[in-house]
Amino acid sequence: MSDSTPATPLVLDLWCELQCPDCHRALADVRALRDKYGDRLEVRLRHFPLDKHKHAHAAAQAAEEAAAQGGGWPYVEAVLARTSDLDRAGESLLVEVARELGLDAEEMDTALIDGRHMLIVDADQAEGKAIGVTGTPTYVIGGERLDGGRSQDGLRERIEEILDGLLAEGPGRA
C-alpha cells in the first residue's frame, strides 16, 4: 500500500513583517495554500522587520513569544489583521492581542521588555538579507524566492506550481 503524503512536509518560508499591509493582504493566499495542501505543507514564519515600521521588531518578538506559548499562527493572523491599529497603539496592542487569544499577557509584556526573542528575529532578518530578501512578504519554496512586496498577483498560483512539481517528484525531492 502506498501513501502519497510525504513523510515530511514541504516548507514554504514566509518572510513577513507584522506591521506590513502587504503581509496582511498575503494572509488570504497563505490560508488558501494551507487549506489546499494541509499537512503536506509547513508554512514557516520568518521575520523581516522593516525600518520604516516603528513596532515591527517588537511585533516579531511578540510572535515568537506567542509561538512559545502555543499560539503562534493565530497570534500572527490577529496582529496582521490589525496592522493600522499597531501603528497607532504600539506594543500595548501586542499585549492586548495576547490577552484576547488567551495567552499569558503578563509573560508577553515581560518578553517584550527583556528581549528574549531578539536573537531569533535578528537571525531571521540576517538570513533574509543574505538570500536577497528586501521587502515583505517574500516567499521561498523549493529554492525559489518570490517577492510579494510589489504585487501579490499570480504569486499563489506560482507557489502552487512549485509545490505541485515538488510533490510529483516524491520523497527524493529538493
Protein backbone atom coordinates (compact mmCIF):
# COMPACT_ATOMS: atom_id res chain seq x y z
CA MET A 1 0.00 0.00 0.00
CA SER A 2 1.34 3.40 -0.98
CA ASP A 3 0.84 6.64 0.91
CA SER A 4 1.04 9.71 -1.31
CA THR A 5 1.50 12.08 1.64
CA PRO A 6 5.20 12.90 2.09
CA ALA A 7 6.74 11.82 5.41
CA THR A 8 7.99 15.35 5.90
CA PRO A 9 6.04 18.30 4.62
CA LEU A 10 7.34 20.75 2.07
CA VAL A 11 8.41 24.01 3.66
CA LEU A 12 7.29 27.42 2.49
CA ASP A 13 9.30 30.13 4.22
CA LEU A 14 7.29 33.32 4.51
CA TRP A 15 9.45 36.36 5.21
CA CYS A 16 6.96 38.61 6.89
CA GLU A 17 6.62 41.75 8.92
CA LEU A 18 3.62 42.09 11.21
CA GLN A 19 3.12 45.81 10.65
CA CYS A 20 3.18 45.43 6.85
CA PRO A 21 -0.10 46.00 4.98
CA ASP A 22 1.14 43.79 2.09
CA CYS A 23 1.66 40.91 4.54
CA HIS A 24 -1.89 41.44 5.77
CA ARG A 25 -3.13 41.08 2.20
CA ALA A 26 -0.96 37.97 1.68
CA LEU A 27 -2.73 36.21 4.53
CA ALA A 28 -5.59 35.12 2.25
CA ASP A 29 -3.11 33.34 -0.03
CA VAL A 30 -1.36 31.68 2.92
CA ARG A 31 -4.69 30.41 4.22
CA ALA A 32 -5.65 29.11 0.77
CA LEU A 33 -2.32 27.27 0.46
CA ARG A 34 -2.78 25.71 3.90
CA ASP A 35 -6.31 24.64 3.02
CA LYS A 36 -5.23 23.11 -0.30
CA TYR A 37 -2.09 21.30 0.88
CA GLY A 38 -2.93 20.54 4.53
CA ASP A 39 -0.21 18.60 6.32
CA ARG A 40 1.85 18.28 3.13
CA LEU A 41 2.92 21.92 3.59
CA GLU A 42 4.56 23.66 6.52
CA VAL A 43 4.36 27.44 6.33
CA ARG A 44 7.26 28.75 8.36
CA LEU A 45 7.15 32.36 9.52
CA ARG A 46 10.46 34.14 9.07
CA HIS A 47 10.86 37.62 10.48
CA PHE A 48 11.96 40.55 8.37
CA PRO A 49 11.12 43.73 10.30
CA LEU A 50 11.35 46.82 8.14
CA ASP A 51 12.94 50.00 9.48
CA LYS A 52 10.03 52.10 8.24
CA HIS A 53 7.67 50.45 10.76
CA LYS A 54 8.29 51.54 14.34
CA HIS A 55 6.78 48.48 16.05
CA ALA A 56 7.95 45.78 13.62
CA HIS A 57 10.77 44.43 15.81
CA ALA A 58 8.53 44.26 18.86
CA ALA A 59 5.79 42.54 16.85
CA ALA A 60 8.25 39.91 15.60
CA GLN A 61 9.42 39.23 19.14
CA ALA A 62 5.80 39.05 20.30
CA ALA A 63 5.06 36.47 17.59
CA GLU A 64 7.93 34.35 18.89
CA GLU A 65 6.60 34.62 22.44
CA ALA A 66 3.13 33.65 21.21
CA ALA A 67 4.66 30.62 19.48
CA ALA A 68 6.47 29.70 22.70
CA GLN A 69 3.09 29.82 24.44
CA GLY A 70 1.49 27.61 21.77
CA GLY A 71 -0.43 30.31 19.91
CA GLY A 72 1.91 31.30 17.09
CA TRP A 73 -0.16 31.43 13.89
CA PRO A 74 -3.41 32.60 15.50
CA TYR A 75 -1.41 35.43 17.08
CA VAL A 76 0.32 36.33 13.81
CA GLU A 77 -3.00 36.41 11.98
CA ALA A 78 -4.63 38.52 14.71
CA VAL A 79 -1.82 41.08 14.65
CA LEU A 80 -1.74 41.20 10.84
CA ALA A 81 -5.48 41.86 10.88
CA ARG A 82 -4.75 45.00 12.91
CA THR A 83 -1.69 46.50 11.20
CA SER A 84 -3.12 50.03 11.28
CA ASP A 85 -4.00 49.65 14.98
CA LEU A 86 -0.44 48.51 15.70
CA ASP A 87 0.86 51.66 14.05
CA ARG A 88 -1.20 53.77 16.49
CA ALA A 89 -1.22 51.68 19.69
CA GLY A 90 2.25 50.13 19.58
CA GLU A 91 3.36 47.46 21.99
CA SER A 92 0.24 47.71 24.14
CA LEU A 93 -1.70 46.23 21.21
CA LEU A 94 0.68 43.26 21.12
CA VAL A 95 -0.07 42.51 24.77
CA GLU A 96 -3.80 43.11 24.24
CA VAL A 97 -3.93 40.62 21.35
CA ALA A 98 -2.17 38.03 23.53
CA ARG A 99 -4.81 38.55 26.23
CA GLU A 100 -7.66 38.30 23.68
CA LEU A 101 -6.29 34.96 22.46
CA GLY A 102 -5.96 33.55 25.96
CA LEU A 103 -2.18 33.73 26.04
CA ASP A 104 -0.27 34.87 29.12
CA ALA A 105 -0.34 38.64 28.57
CA GLU A 106 1.97 39.34 31.52
CA GLU A 107 4.56 36.96 30.10
CA MET A 108 4.14 38.61 26.69
CA ASP A 109 4.83 42.01 28.26
CA THR A 110 7.87 40.62 30.07
CA ALA A 111 9.20 39.06 26.87
CA LEU A 112 8.91 42.40 25.09
CA ILE A 113 10.81 44.11 27.90
CA ASP A 114 13.59 41.54 28.32
CA GLY A 115 14.07 40.90 24.59
CA ARG A 116 14.36 37.12 25.00
CA HIS A 117 13.38 36.50 21.37
CA MET A 118 15.50 39.24 19.81
CA LEU A 119 18.22 36.83 18.63
CA ILE A 120 15.69 34.74 16.67
CA VAL A 121 14.32 37.84 14.97
CA ASP A 122 17.79 39.19 14.20
CA ALA A 123 18.93 35.81 12.83
CA ASP A 124 15.89 35.60 10.54
CA GLN A 125 16.49 39.11 9.28
CA ALA A 126 20.19 38.43 8.65
CA GLU A 127 19.39 35.22 6.76
CA GLY A 128 16.76 37.05 4.73
CA LYS A 129 19.26 39.73 3.74
CA ALA A 130 21.79 37.04 2.84
CA ILE A 131 19.38 35.40 0.36
CA GLY A 132 18.24 38.70 -1.15
CA VAL A 133 15.04 39.49 0.73
CA THR A 134 14.46 43.24 0.50
CA GLY A 135 10.79 43.55 1.39
CA THR A 136 7.78 41.70 2.67
CA PRO A 137 6.12 39.41 2.03
CA THR A 138 8.75 37.27 0.34
CA TYR A 139 8.27 33.54 -0.15
CA VAL A 140 10.94 30.87 -0.55
CA ILE A 141 9.84 27.47 -1.78
CA GLY A 142 11.89 24.78 -3.48
CA GLY A 143 14.91 27.08 -3.60
CA GLU A 144 12.99 29.80 -5.45
CA ARG A 145 12.45 33.27 -3.96
CA LEU A 146 9.22 35.06 -4.86
CA ASP A 147 8.80 38.73 -3.95
CA GLY A 148 5.27 39.65 -2.92
CA GLY A 149 6.07 43.17 -1.74
CA ARG A 150 5.38 44.75 -5.10
CA SER A 151 2.34 42.69 -6.06
CA GLN A 152 0.54 39.56 -4.90
CA ASP A 153 -0.85 38.98 -8.39
CA GLY A 154 -0.12 35.45 -9.58
CA LEU A 155 2.07 34.56 -6.59
CA ARG A 156 -0.21 31.93 -5.11
CA GLU A 157 -0.53 30.26 -8.49
CA ARG A 158 3.27 30.25 -8.90
CA ILE A 159 3.72 28.79 -5.40
CA GLU A 160 1.15 26.09 -6.24
CA GLU A 161 3.04 25.24 -9.46
CA ILE A 162 6.27 24.82 -7.49
CA LEU A 163 4.56 22.79 -4.74
CA ASP A 164 2.77 20.54 -7.23
CA GLY A 165 6.06 19.92 -9.03
CA LEU A 166 7.89 19.08 -5.81
CA LEU A 167 5.09 16.79 -4.65
CA ALA A 168 5.12 14.99 -8.02
CA GLU A 169 8.86 14.34 -7.59
CA GLY A 170 8.08 12.31 -4.48
CA PRO A 171 10.25 11.57 -1.44
CA GLY A 172 13.61 12.42 -3.09
CA ARG A 173 12.53 15.99 -3.85
CA ALA A 174 14.66 19.02 -3.18
